[in-house]
Amino acid sequence: MLLRRAVHDRDRSLRGDAVIAAALDPPVAAAGPAVTTFWGVDCGSSEIKVAAVDRGGRVLLLRKQRTLFPLAGHVHRALAGGTGELSPLVDDERVPGAPVGGVPRLLPGQQIHATGYGRSHIEGIHGQLTEIKAHFLGVQHQLQLDRDYTIIDIGGQDAKVIRATPGRVDQFAINRKCAAGTGAYIEELAHRLEVPMQSLPGLAAGHDRELTLNSYCTVFSGQEVIKLLMHGERVENLIYALYRSVVKRVLEMTAISTDTLVFSGGVMNYHPILVPLFAERFGDIKTILAPNAQYCGAIGAAIHGLKEDEENGIHHHQQLRPV
């Protein structure tokens, strides 16, 4: 009797799983309702950023949450937003055997495109693009620049220098070999100094002399900072030296050949003191902190979806896989 019951329970469970799997498999692209909202997801190393634009390119919302794992589930949460917030998803509890909370599905007229480190790990989206292209599209869409310019995007794990024209990316350089010149470098040295990240810009503004950190290596720079502290150096001066080190490392990646410099990304958003530090390294150059700097990648991903839809004219509706 117990054996028959176990077999029965197992078969019922397997049938239920099969029903859910069949209901969730994304269908082959087919004609559907016209897309009205385009969503961009930027899966960064520290935060997941979400942006939505309408068919006219108007930004409808921006939101973010920490990057946590499993990634797919947290991307779903970032897209879903809070109660009453605009979302491309609906939890469809009508699917037989659906887990508590429902199965995430796309509402009609929604498209999702992704960029960032985690873009290849999100199932059920309509497309993906590189961070280079995403930041270019996000910057150009918001600023509508009519001349050549250079974008500097300092992320959590890398730094990017992008030379662009109003219509395309011309060339770019990426620092991926070490943490120097990235958000991780700033975060590690802030930890060594026992200073909250949000306090760094204000403290740096109180410096009374300029120091130079001799190493770009996070480990060696940390040791150097500790030695300077032991010799009585002010924390304000060390933080200012940290920022100057970031600027120097980024500018060593490639030559800046345009007279306009645009900054995007979360690091520039949280540490705007970097903007004048970059500017003072040049003579006559225009510096711009992009609007919604932290969300440029997500906005660019959404704009990419809009452009793809306008060019291809294909509208389709998908389900997301379970998260």
C-alpha atoms as a PDB file:
ATOM      1  CA  MET A   1       0.000   0.000   0.000  1.00  0.00           C
ATOM      2  CA  LEU A   2       2.753   2.440   0.937  1.00  0.00           C
ATOM      3  CA  LEU A   3       4.660   1.578  -2.241  1.00  0.00           C
ATOM      4  CA  ARG A   4       1.591   2.164  -4.458  1.00  0.00           C
ATOM      5  CA  ARG A   5       0.932   5.502  -2.716  1.00  0.00           C
ATOM      6  CA  ALA A   6       4.554   6.622  -3.217  1.00  0.00           C
ATOM      7  CA  VAL A   7       4.413   5.726  -6.912  1.00  0.00           C
ATOM      8  CA  HIS A   8       1.079   7.529  -7.252  1.00  0.00           C
ATOM      9  CA  ASP A   9       2.443  10.684  -5.553  1.00  0.00           C
ATOM     10  CA  ARG A  10       5.552  10.606  -7.725  1.00  0.00           C
ATOM     11  CA  ASP A  11       3.541  10.248 -10.942  1.00  0.00           C
ATOM     12  CA  ARG A  12       1.203  13.070  -9.914  1.00  0.00           C
ATOM     13  CA  SER A  13       4.194  15.314  -9.174  1.00  0.00           C
ATOM     14  CA  LEU A  14       5.795  14.507 -12.518  1.00  0.00           C
ATOM     15  CA  ARG A  15       2.547  15.200 -14.372  1.00  0.00           C
ATOM     16  CA  GLY A  16       2.226  18.528 -12.580  1.00  0.00           C
ATOM     17  CA  ASP A  17       5.788  19.506 -13.469  1.00  0.00           C
ATOM     18  CA  ALA A  18       5.174  18.550 -17.089  1.00  0.00           C
ATOM     19  CA  VAL A  19       2.053  20.734 -17.224  1.00  0.00           C
ATOM     20  CA  ILE A  20       3.938  23.717 -15.806  1.00  0.00           C
ATOM     21  CA  ALA A  21       6.898  23.195 -18.150  1.00  0.00           C
ATOM     22  CA  ALA A  22       4.613  22.953 -21.167  1.00  0.00           C
ATOM     23  CA  ALA A  23       2.775  26.106 -20.132  1.00  0.00           C
ATOM     24  CA  LEU A  24       5.986  28.051 -19.608  1.00  0.00           C
ATOM     25  CA  ASP A  25       8.009  27.161 -22.693  1.00  0.00           C
ATOM     26  CA  PRO A  26       8.286  30.408 -24.711  1.00  0.00           C
ATOM     27  CA  PRO A  27       6.377  29.970 -27.976  1.00  0.00           C
ATOM     28  CA  VAL A  28       7.904  30.471 -31.383  1.00  0.00           C
ATOM     29  CA  ALA A  29       7.833  34.174 -32.293  1.00  0.00           C
ATOM     30  CA  ALA A  30       4.441  34.958 -33.734  1.00  0.00           C
ATOM     31  CA  ALA A  31       2.314  37.940 -34.543  1.00  0.00           C
ATOM     32  CA  GLY A  32       0.802  39.526 -31.466  1.00  0.00           C
ATOM     33  CA  PRO A  33      -0.286  42.851 -30.050  1.00  0.00           C
ATOM     34  CA  ALA A  34       1.772  45.902 -30.938  1.00  0.00           C
ATOM     35  CA  VAL A  35       4.471  46.634 -28.390  1.00  0.00           C
ATOM     36  CA  THR A  36       3.695  49.710 -26.317  1.00  0.00           C
ATOM     37  CA  THR A  37       6.417  49.549 -23.643  1.00  0.00           C
ATOM     38  CA  PHE A  38      10.084  48.616 -23.974  1.00  0.00           C
ATOM     39  CA  TRP A  39      11.999  47.517 -20.889  1.00  0.00           C
ATOM     40  CA  GLY A  40      15.738  47.591 -20.372  1.00  0.00           C
ATOM     41  CA  VAL A  41      17.539  45.601 -17.680  1.00  0.00           C
ATOM     42  CA  ASP A  42      21.162  46.334 -16.766  1.00  0.00           C
ATOM     43  CA  CYS A  43      22.470  43.458 -14.635  1.00  0.00           C
ATOM     44  CA  GLY A  44      25.546  44.954 -13.026  1.00  0.00           C
ATOM     45  CA  SER A  45      27.868  43.437 -10.464  1.00  0.00           C
ATOM     46  CA  SER A  46      26.366  45.534  -7.656  1.00  0.00           C
ATOM     47  CA  GLU A  47      22.850  46.478  -8.738  1.00  0.00           C
ATOM     48  CA  ILE A  48      20.138  45.496 -11.198  1.00  0.00           C
ATOM     49  CA  LYS A  49      18.801  48.595 -12.939  1.00  0.00           C
ATOM     50  CA  VAL A  50      15.489  48.703 -14.797  1.00  0.00           C
ATOM     51  CA  ALA A  51      14.167  51.316 -17.229  1.00  0.00           C
ATOM     52  CA  ALA A  52      11.015  51.506 -19.339  1.00  0.00           C
ATOM     53  CA  VAL A  53      10.293  53.701 -22.369  1.00  0.00           C
ATOM     54  CA  ASP A  54       7.202  54.127 -24.514  1.00  0.00           C
ATOM     55  CA  ARG A  55       7.032  54.091 -28.315  1.00  0.00           C
ATOM     56  CA  GLY A  56       7.980  57.751 -28.380  1.00  0.00           C
ATOM     57  CA  GLY A  57      11.160  57.101 -26.394  1.00  0.00           C
ATOM     58  CA  ARG A  58       9.850  58.806 -23.258  1.00  0.00           C
ATOM     59  CA  VAL A  59      11.328  57.336 -20.078  1.00  0.00           C
ATOM     60  CA  LEU A  60       8.435  56.024 -18.000  1.00  0.00           C
ATOM     61  CA  LEU A  61      10.273  54.738 -14.942  1.00  0.00           C
ATOM     62  CA  LEU A  62      13.636  53.930 -13.418  1.00  0.00           C
ATOM     63  CA  ARG A  63      14.232  51.572 -10.508  1.00  0.00           C
ATOM     64  CA  LYS A  64      16.938  49.353  -9.093  1.00  0.00           C
ATOM     65  CA  GLN A  65      17.756  46.716  -6.532  1.00  0.00           C
ATOM     66  CA  ARG A  66      20.875  44.946  -5.303  1.00  0.00           C
ATOM     67  CA  THR A  67      22.337  42.181  -7.442  1.00  0.00           C
ATOM     68  CA  LEU A  68      21.642  38.960  -5.563  1.00  0.00           C
ATOM     69  CA  PHE A  69      21.476  35.304  -6.512  1.00  0.00           C
ATOM     70  CA  PRO A  70      19.856  33.319  -7.971  1.00  0.00           C
ATOM     71  CA  LEU A  71      20.003  36.090 -10.549  1.00  0.00           C
ATOM     72  CA  ALA A  72      16.866  35.213 -12.529  1.00  0.00           C
ATOM     73  CA  GLY A  73      14.644  35.519  -9.482  1.00  0.00           C
ATOM     74  CA  HIS A  74      15.981  38.926  -8.532  1.00  0.00           C
ATOM     75  CA  VAL A  75      15.718  40.218 -12.102  1.00  0.00           C
ATOM     76  CA  HIS A  76      12.071  39.164 -11.963  1.00  0.00           C
ATOM     77  CA  ARG A  77      11.616  41.096  -8.721  1.00  0.00           C
ATOM     78  CA  ALA A  78      13.286  44.178 -10.179  1.00  0.00           C
ATOM     79  CA  LEU A  79      10.986  44.030 -13.204  1.00  0.00           C
ATOM     80  CA  ALA A  80       7.899  43.363 -11.094  1.00  0.00           C
ATOM     81  CA  GLY A  81       8.473  46.349  -8.813  1.00  0.00           C
ATOM     82  CA  GLY A  82       6.296  47.064  -5.831  1.00  0.00           C
ATOM     83  CA  THR A  83       2.536  46.832  -5.454  1.00  0.00           C
ATOM     84  CA  GLY A  84       0.821  49.208  -7.847  1.00  0.00           C
ATOM     85  CA  GLU A  85       4.009  50.034  -9.790  1.00  0.00           C
ATOM     86  CA  LEU A  86       4.291  49.754 -13.557  1.00  0.00           C
ATOM     87  CA  SER A  87       5.525  46.285 -14.528  1.00  0.00           C
ATOM     88  CA  PRO A  88       5.780  44.172 -17.697  1.00  0.00           C
ATOM     89  CA  LEU A  89       4.868  41.039 -15.735  1.00  0.00           C
ATOM     90  CA  VAL A  90       1.747  39.402 -14.431  1.00  0.00           C
ATOM     91  CA  ASP A  91       1.708  36.459 -12.035  1.00  0.00           C
ATOM     92  CA  ASP A  92      -0.562  33.969 -13.771  1.00  0.00           C
ATOM     93  CA  GLU A  93      -1.950  31.688 -11.083  1.00  0.00           C
ATOM     94  CA  ARG A  94      -4.310  30.005 -13.542  1.00  0.00           C
ATOM     95  CA  VAL A  95      -1.553  27.669 -14.748  1.00  0.00           C
ATOM     96  CA  PRO A  96      -2.370  24.251 -13.194  1.00  0.00           C
ATOM     97  CA  GLY A  97       0.076  23.443 -10.439  1.00  0.00           C
ATOM     98  CA  ALA A  98       1.695  26.884 -10.472  1.00  0.00           C
ATOM     99  CA  PRO A  99       3.804  27.656  -7.394  1.00  0.00           C
ATOM    100  CA  VAL A 100       2.518  30.052  -4.743  1.00  0.00           C
ATOM    101  CA  GLY A 101       2.797  33.606  -6.061  1.00  0.00           C
ATOM    102  CA  GLY A 102       2.184  32.602  -9.641  1.00  0.00           C
ATOM    103  CA  VAL A 103       4.310  32.118 -12.722  1.00  0.00           C
ATOM    104  CA  PRO A 104       5.801  35.283 -14.244  1.00  0.00           C
ATOM    105  CA  ARG A 105       4.431  36.070 -17.684  1.00  0.00           C
ATOM    106  CA  LEU A 106       4.789  39.078 -19.931  1.00  0.00           C
ATOM    107  CA  LEU A 107       1.770  41.275 -20.285  1.00  0.00           C
ATOM    108  CA  PRO A 108       0.677  41.939 -23.876  1.00  0.00           C
ATOM    109  CA  GLY A 109       2.562  44.767 -25.558  1.00  0.00           C
ATOM    110  CA  GLN A 110       5.782  44.454 -23.520  1.00  0.00           C
ATOM    111  CA  GLN A 111       9.366  43.727 -24.612  1.00  0.00           C
ATOM    112  CA  ILE A 112      12.485  43.220 -22.497  1.00  0.00           C
ATOM    113  CA  HIS A 113      16.132  43.624 -23.557  1.00  0.00           C
ATOM    114  CA  ALA A 114      19.118  43.157 -21.269  1.00  0.00           C
ATOM    115  CA  THR A 115      22.716  44.296 -20.887  1.00  0.00           C
ATOM    116  CA  GLY A 116      25.390  44.038 -18.209  1.00  0.00           C
ATOM    117  CA  TYR A 117      27.350  41.151 -16.741  1.00  0.00           C
ATOM    118  CA  GLY A 118      24.270  39.039 -16.127  1.00  0.00           C
ATOM    119  CA  ARG A 119      22.565  39.539 -19.475  1.00  0.00           C
ATOM    120  CA  SER A 120      23.305  36.006 -20.710  1.00  0.00           C
ATOM    121  CA  HIS A 121      21.721  34.422 -17.648  1.00  0.00           C
ATOM    122  CA  ILE A 122      18.212  35.830 -18.058  1.00  0.00           C
ATOM    123  CA  GLU A 123      15.814  33.529 -19.885  1.00  0.00           C
ATOM    124  CA  GLY A 124      12.730  34.556 -21.783  1.00  0.00           C
ATOM    125  CA  ILE A 125      13.878  38.040 -22.836  1.00  0.00           C
ATOM    126  CA  HIS A 126      13.633  39.355 -26.379  1.00  0.00           C
ATOM    127  CA  GLY A 127      17.286  40.294 -26.858  1.00  0.00           C
ATOM    128  CA  GLN A 128      20.533  41.481 -25.345  1.00  0.00           C
ATOM    129  CA  LEU A 129      23.307  43.931 -26.170  1.00  0.00           C
ATOM    130  CA  THR A 130      26.781  44.844 -24.959  1.00  0.00           C
ATOM    131  CA  GLU A 131      27.336  47.401 -22.224  1.00  0.00           C
ATOM    132  CA  ILE A 132      29.275  49.529 -24.717  1.00  0.00           C
ATOM    133  CA  LYS A 133      26.288  49.867 -27.041  1.00  0.00           C
ATOM    134  CA  ALA A 134      23.819  50.217 -24.172  1.00  0.00           C
ATOM    135  CA  HIS A 135      25.638  53.129 -22.536  1.00  0.00           C
ATOM    136  CA  PHE A 136      26.095  54.837 -25.893  1.00  0.00           C
ATOM    137  CA  LEU A 137      22.379  54.544 -26.689  1.00  0.00           C
ATOM    138  CA  GLY A 138      21.399  55.693 -23.195  1.00  0.00           C
ATOM    139  CA  VAL A 139      23.669  58.734 -23.317  1.00  0.00           C
ATOM    140  CA  GLN A 140      22.807  59.739 -26.878  1.00  0.00           C
ATOM    141  CA  HIS A 141      19.066  59.323 -26.341  1.00  0.00           C
ATOM    142  CA  GLN A 142      19.087  61.627 -23.325  1.00  0.00           C
ATOM    143  CA  LEU A 143      21.580  64.252 -24.477  1.00  0.00           C
ATOM    144  CA  GLN A 144      20.993  64.247 -28.265  1.00  0.00           C
ATOM    145  CA  LEU A 145      24.585  65.342 -28.890  1.00  0.00           C
ATOM    146  CA  ASP A 146      25.438  66.623 -32.368  1.00  0.00           C
ATOM    147  CA  ARG A 147      29.227  66.215 -32.189  1.00  0.00           C
ATOM    148  CA  ASP A 148      31.814  63.553 -31.455  1.00  0.00           C
ATOM    149  CA  TYR A 149      32.267  62.810 -27.767  1.00  0.00           C
ATOM    150  CA  THR A 150      33.820  60.368 -25.307  1.00  0.00           C
ATOM    151  CA  ILE A 151      31.894  58.414 -22.680  1.00  0.00           C
ATOM    152  CA  ILE A 152      33.610  57.311 -19.485  1.00  0.00           C
ATOM    153  CA  ASP A 153      31.682  54.626 -17.642  1.00  0.00           C
ATOM    154  CA  ILE A 154      33.198  53.445 -14.368  1.00  0.00           C
ATOM    155  CA  GLY A 155      31.456  50.302 -13.210  1.00  0.00           C
ATOM    156  CA  GLY A 156      31.806  48.045 -10.223  1.00  0.00           C
ATOM    157  CA  GLN A 157      34.184  45.622 -11.947  1.00  0.00           C
ATOM    158  CA  ASP A 158      35.558  47.495 -14.956  1.00  0.00           C
ATOM    159  CA  ALA A 159      36.006  50.895 -16.563  1.00  0.00           C
ATOM    160  CA  LYS A 160      35.099  51.735 -20.144  1.00  0.00           C
ATOM    161  CA  VAL A 161      36.179  54.608 -22.382  1.00  0.00           C
ATOM    162  CA  ILE A 162      33.948  54.912 -25.452  1.00  0.00           C
ATOM    163  CA  ARG A 163      34.564  57.262 -28.380  1.00  0.00           C
ATOM    164  CA  ALA A 164      31.299  57.959 -30.194  1.00  0.00           C
ATOM    165  CA  THR A 165      29.730  59.998 -32.945  1.00  0.00           C
ATOM    166  CA  PRO A 166      26.057  61.006 -32.760  1.00  0.00           C
ATOM    167  CA  GLY A 167      25.208  57.894 -34.770  1.00  0.00           C
ATOM    168  CA  ARG A 168      27.476  55.106 -33.585  1.00  0.00           C
ATOM    169  CA  VAL A 169      30.319  53.871 -31.389  1.00  0.00           C
ATOM    170  CA  ASP A 170      33.644  54.610 -33.055  1.00  0.00           C
ATOM    171  CA  GLN A 171      36.081  52.815 -30.740  1.00  0.00           C
ATOM    172  CA  PHE A 172      36.401  51.786 -27.106  1.00  0.00           C
ATOM    173  CA  ALA A 173      38.754  50.492 -24.426  1.00  0.00           C
ATOM    174  CA  ILE A 174      37.919  48.358 -21.387  1.00  0.00           C
ATOM    175  CA  ASN A 175      39.905  47.758 -18.224  1.00  0.00           C
ATOM    176  CA  ARG A 176      39.112  44.208 -17.127  1.00  0.00           C
ATOM    177  CA  LYS A 177      42.465  42.943 -15.912  1.00  0.00           C
ATOM    178  CA  CYS A 178      42.389  44.415 -12.421  1.00  0.00           C
ATOM    179  CA  ALA A 179      40.183  46.430 -10.077  1.00  0.00           C
ATOM    180  CA  ALA A 180      42.199  49.647 -10.470  1.00  0.00           C
ATOM    181  CA  GLY A 181      40.026  52.523 -11.635  1.00  0.00           C
ATOM    182  CA  THR A 182      36.764  50.725 -10.801  1.00  0.00           C
ATOM    183  CA  GLY A 183      34.095  50.814  -8.150  1.00  0.00           C
ATOM    184  CA  ALA A 184      35.630  47.757  -6.487  1.00  0.00           C
ATOM    185  CA  TYR A 185      38.869  49.709  -5.973  1.00  0.00           C
ATOM    186  CA  ILE A 186      37.020  52.573  -4.280  1.00  0.00           C
ATOM    187  CA  GLU A 187      34.961  50.189  -2.172  1.00  0.00           C
ATOM    188  CA  GLU A 188      37.976  48.218  -0.961  1.00  0.00           C
ATOM    189  CA  LEU A 189      39.947  51.296   0.082  1.00  0.00           C
ATOM    190  CA  ALA A 190      36.868  52.770   1.771  1.00  0.00           C
ATOM    191  CA  HIS A 191      36.680  49.533   3.747  1.00  0.00           C
ATOM    192  CA  ARG A 192      40.352  49.872   4.715  1.00  0.00           C
ATOM    193  CA  LEU A 193      39.704  53.429   5.881  1.00  0.00           C
ATOM    194  CA  GLU A 194      36.536  52.326   7.705  1.00  0.00           C
ATOM    195  CA  VAL A 195      34.535  55.052   5.968  1.00  0.00           C
ATOM    196  CA  PRO A 196      31.005  54.508   4.540  1.00  0.00           C
ATOM    197  CA  MET A 197      30.928  54.832   0.755  1.00  0.00           C
ATOM    198  CA  GLN A 198      28.374  57.652   0.871  1.00  0.00           C
ATOM    199  CA  SER A 199      30.701  59.720   3.068  1.00  0.00           C
ATOM    200  CA  LEU A 200      33.682  59.643   0.702  1.00  0.00           C
ATOM    201  CA  PRO A 201      32.872  62.677  -1.526  1.00  0.00           C
ATOM    202  CA  GLY A 202      32.198  64.966   1.435  1.00  0.00           C
ATOM    203  CA  LEU A 203      35.381  63.947   3.219  1.00  0.00           C
ATOM    204  CA  ALA A 204      37.473  64.325   0.060  1.00  0.00           C
ATOM    205  CA  ALA A 205      36.217  67.898  -0.297  1.00  0.00           C
ATOM    206  CA  GLY A 206      37.900  68.657   3.034  1.00  0.00           C
ATOM    207  CA  HIS A 207      41.420  67.706   1.906  1.00  0.00           C
ATOM    208  CA  ASP A 208      44.234  70.180   2.571  1.00  0.00           C
ATOM    209  CA  ARG A 209      46.980  68.696   0.393  1.00  0.00           C
ATOM    210  CA  GLU A 210      47.398  66.425  -2.604  1.00  0.00           C
ATOM    211  CA  LEU A 211      48.897  62.979  -2.189  1.00  0.00           C
ATOM    212  CA  THR A 212      49.706  60.365  -4.801  1.00  0.00           C
ATOM    213  CA  LEU A 213      49.118  56.676  -4.232  1.00  0.00           C
ATOM    214  CA  ASN A 214      52.039  54.878  -5.848  1.00  0.00           C
ATOM    215  CA  SER A 215      50.243  51.651  -6.711  1.00  0.00           C
ATOM    216  CA  TYR A 216      47.114  50.905  -8.724  1.00  0.00           C
ATOM    217  CA  CYS A 217      46.851  47.441  -7.209  1.00  0.00           C
ATOM    218  CA  THR A 218      44.009  47.265  -4.706  1.00  0.00           C
ATOM    219  CA  VAL A 219      46.073  45.160  -2.300  1.00  0.00           C
ATOM    220  CA  PHE A 220      49.202  47.319  -2.430  1.00  0.00           C
ATOM    221  CA  SER A 221      47.203  50.563  -2.354  1.00  0.00           C
ATOM    222  CA  GLY A 222      45.448  49.315   0.754  1.00  0.00           C
ATOM    223  CA  GLN A 223      48.766  48.609   2.426  1.00  0.00           C
ATOM    224  CA  GLU A 224      50.032  52.045   1.412  1.00  0.00           C
ATOM    225  CA  VAL A 225      46.951  53.729   2.867  1.00  0.00           C
ATOM    226  CA  ILE A 226      47.404  51.904   6.182  1.00  0.00           C
ATOM    227  CA  LYS A 227      51.051  52.996   6.399  1.00  0.00           C
ATOM    228  CA  LEU A 228      50.114  56.621   5.707  1.00  0.00           C
ATOM    229  CA  LEU A 229      47.423  56.469   8.384  1.00  0.00           C
ATOM    230  CA  MET A 230      49.945  55.100  10.867  1.00  0.00           C
ATOM    231  CA  HIS A 231      52.164  58.100  10.103  1.00  0.00           C
ATOM    232  CA  GLY A 232      49.324  60.488  10.922  1.00  0.00           C
ATOM    233  CA  GLU A 233      48.000  61.358   7.456  1.00  0.00           C
ATOM    234  CA  ARG A 234      44.476  62.800   7.399  1.00  0.00           C
ATOM    235  CA  VAL A 235      41.711  60.549   6.101  1.00  0.00           C
ATOM    236  CA  GLU A 236      40.417  63.417   3.931  1.00  0.00           C
ATOM    237  CA  ASN A 237      43.740  63.591   2.071  1.00  0.00           C
ATOM    238  CA  LEU A 238      43.824  59.834   1.544  1.00  0.00           C
ATOM    239  CA  ILE A 239      40.312  59.759   0.095  1.00  0.00           C
ATOM    240  CA  TYR A 240      41.171  62.605  -2.257  1.00  0.00           C
ATOM    241  CA  ALA A 241      44.279  60.670  -3.321  1.00  0.00           C
ATOM    242  CA  LEU A 242      42.068  57.642  -3.947  1.00  0.00           C
ATOM    243  CA  TYR A 243      39.876  59.624  -6.342  1.00  0.00           C
ATOM    244  CA  ARG A 244      42.904  61.072  -8.136  1.00  0.00           C
ATOM    245  CA  SER A 245      44.261  57.551  -8.550  1.00  0.00           C
ATOM    246  CA  VAL A 246      41.022  56.414 -10.204  1.00  0.00           C
ATOM    247  CA  VAL A 247      41.165  59.315 -12.669  1.00  0.00           C
ATOM    248  CA  LYS A 248      44.805  58.655 -13.534  1.00  0.00           C
ATOM    249  CA  ARG A 249      44.205  54.943 -14.126  1.00  0.00           C
ATOM    250  CA  VAL A 250      41.195  55.494 -16.394  1.00  0.00           C
ATOM    251  CA  LEU A 251      42.956  58.123 -18.489  1.00  0.00           C
ATOM    252  CA  GLU A 252      45.896  55.777 -19.026  1.00  0.00           C
ATOM    253  CA  MET A 253      43.600  53.318 -20.806  1.00  0.00           C
ATOM    254  CA  THR A 254      43.441  55.350 -24.025  1.00  0.00           C
ATOM    255  CA  ALA A 255      43.882  58.883 -25.367  1.00  0.00           C
ATOM    256  CA  ILE A 256      40.918  61.271 -25.188  1.00  0.00           C
ATOM    257  CA  SER A 257      40.624  62.926 -28.601  1.00  0.00           C
ATOM    258  CA  THR A 258      37.277  64.730 -28.346  1.00  0.00           C
ATOM    259  CA  ASP A 259      36.429  68.053 -26.729  1.00  0.00           C
ATOM    260  CA  THR A 260      33.364  66.663 -24.941  1.00  0.00           C
ATOM    261  CA  LEU A 261      33.513  64.149 -22.109  1.00  0.00           C
ATOM    262  CA  VAL A 262      30.335  62.457 -20.849  1.00  0.00           C
ATOM    263  CA  PHE A 263      30.209  60.384 -17.662  1.00  0.00           C
ATOM    264  CA  SER A 264      27.811  57.518 -17.061  1.00  0.00           C
ATOM    265  CA  GLY A 265      27.457  54.654 -14.605  1.00  0.00           C
ATOM    266  CA  GLY A 266      26.843  54.224 -10.908  1.00  0.00           C
ATOM    267  CA  VAL A 267      30.314  55.200  -9.699  1.00  0.00           C
ATOM    268  CA  MET A 268      30.086  58.620 -11.354  1.00  0.00           C
ATOM    269  CA  ASN A 269      26.558  58.989 -10.003  1.00  0.00           C
ATOM    270  CA  TYR A 270      27.622  58.315  -6.405  1.00  0.00           C
ATOM    271  CA  HIS A 271      30.997  60.076  -6.637  1.00  0.00           C
ATOM    272  CA  PRO A 272      30.410  63.267  -8.687  1.00  0.00           C
ATOM    273  CA  ILE A 273      33.650  64.714  -7.279  1.00  0.00           C
ATOM    274  CA  LEU A 274      35.355  62.673 -10.009  1.00  0.00           C
ATOM    275  CA  VAL A 275      33.922  64.922 -12.750  1.00  0.00           C
ATOM    276  CA  PRO A 276      36.016  68.044 -11.942  1.00  0.00           C
ATOM    277  CA  LEU A 277      39.038  65.822 -11.304  1.00  0.00           C
ATOM    278  CA  PHE A 278      38.777  64.515 -14.858  1.00  0.00           C
ATOM    279  CA  ALA A 279      38.175  68.033 -16.193  1.00  0.00           C
ATOM    280  CA  GLU A 280      41.295  69.491 -14.602  1.00  0.00           C
ATOM    281  CA  ARG A 281      43.458  67.002 -16.506  1.00  0.00           C
ATOM    282  CA  PHE A 282      42.557  68.746 -19.757  1.00  0.00           C
ATOM    283  CA  GLY A 283      42.606  72.292 -21.013  1.00  0.00           C
ATOM    284  CA  ASP A 284      39.459  73.385 -22.800  1.00  0.00           C
ATOM    285  CA  ILE A 285      37.083  70.428 -22.548  1.00  0.00           C
ATOM    286  CA  LYS A 286      33.372  70.199 -21.833  1.00  0.00           C
ATOM    287  CA  THR A 287      32.389  67.688 -19.134  1.00  0.00           C
ATOM    288  CA  ILE A 288      28.842  66.384 -18.711  1.00  0.00           C
ATOM    289  CA  LEU A 289      27.478  64.075 -16.042  1.00  0.00           C
ATOM    290  CA  ALA A 290      24.786  62.237 -17.993  1.00  0.00           C
ATOM    291  CA  PRO A 291      21.213  62.536 -16.726  1.00  0.00           C
ATOM    292  CA  ASN A 292      20.275  59.405 -14.809  1.00  0.00           C
ATOM    293  CA  ALA A 293      23.922  58.376 -15.040  1.00  0.00           C
ATOM    294  CA  GLN A 294      23.442  55.095 -13.195  1.00  0.00           C
ATOM    295  CA  TYR A 295      20.588  54.091 -15.494  1.00  0.00           C
ATOM    296  CA  CYS A 296      22.215  54.867 -18.857  1.00  0.00           C
ATOM    297  CA  GLY A 297      22.780  51.169 -19.560  1.00  0.00           C
ATOM    298  CA  ALA A 298      19.186  50.216 -18.742  1.00  0.00           C
ATOM    299  CA  ILE A 299      17.789  53.136 -20.750  1.00  0.00           C
ATOM    300  CA  GLY A 300      20.041  52.165 -23.648  1.00  0.00           C
ATOM    301  CA  ALA A 301      18.790  48.572 -23.531  1.00  0.00           C
ATOM    302  CA  ALA A 302      15.190  49.792 -23.668  1.00  0.00           C
ATOM    303  CA  ILE A 303      15.980  52.139 -26.575  1.00  0.00           C
ATOM    304  CA  HIS A 304      17.692  49.242 -28.363  1.00  0.00           C
ATOM    305  CA  GLY A 305      14.455  47.280 -28.098  1.00  0.00           C
ATOM    306  CA  LEU A 306      12.487  50.222 -29.472  1.00  0.00           C
ATOM    307  CA  LYS A 307      14.855  50.630 -32.432  1.00  0.00           C
ATOM    308  CA  GLU A 308      14.800  46.891 -33.179  1.00  0.00           C
ATOM    309  CA  ASP A 309      11.021  46.904 -33.163  1.00  0.00           C
ATOM    310  CA  GLU A 310      10.842  49.927 -35.469  1.00  0.00           C
ATOM    311  CA  GLU A 311      13.274  48.326 -37.908  1.00  0.00           C
ATOM    312  CA  ASN A 312      11.848  44.805 -37.888  1.00  0.00           C
ATOM    313  CA  GLY A 313       8.191  45.513 -37.271  1.00  0.00           C
ATOM    314  CA  ILE A 314       7.782  42.227 -35.402  1.00  0.00           C
ATOM    315  CA  HIS A 315       5.590  42.226 -32.323  1.00  0.00           C
ATOM    316  CA  HIS A 316       5.325  39.116 -30.200  1.00  0.00           C
ATOM    317  CA  HIS A 317       4.346  38.091 -26.726  1.00  0.00           C
ATOM    318  CA  GLN A 318       6.379  35.711 -24.592  1.00  0.00           C
ATOM    319  CA  GLN A 319       6.231  33.952 -21.288  1.00  0.00           C
ATOM    320  CA  LEU A 320       9.170  34.027 -18.922  1.00  0.00           C
ATOM    321  CA  ARG A 321      10.515  30.781 -17.566  1.00  0.00           C
ATOM    322  CA  PRO A 322       9.919  30.101 -13.854  1.00  0.00           C
ATOM    323  CA  VAL A 323      12.200  31.889 -11.412  1.00  0.00           C
END
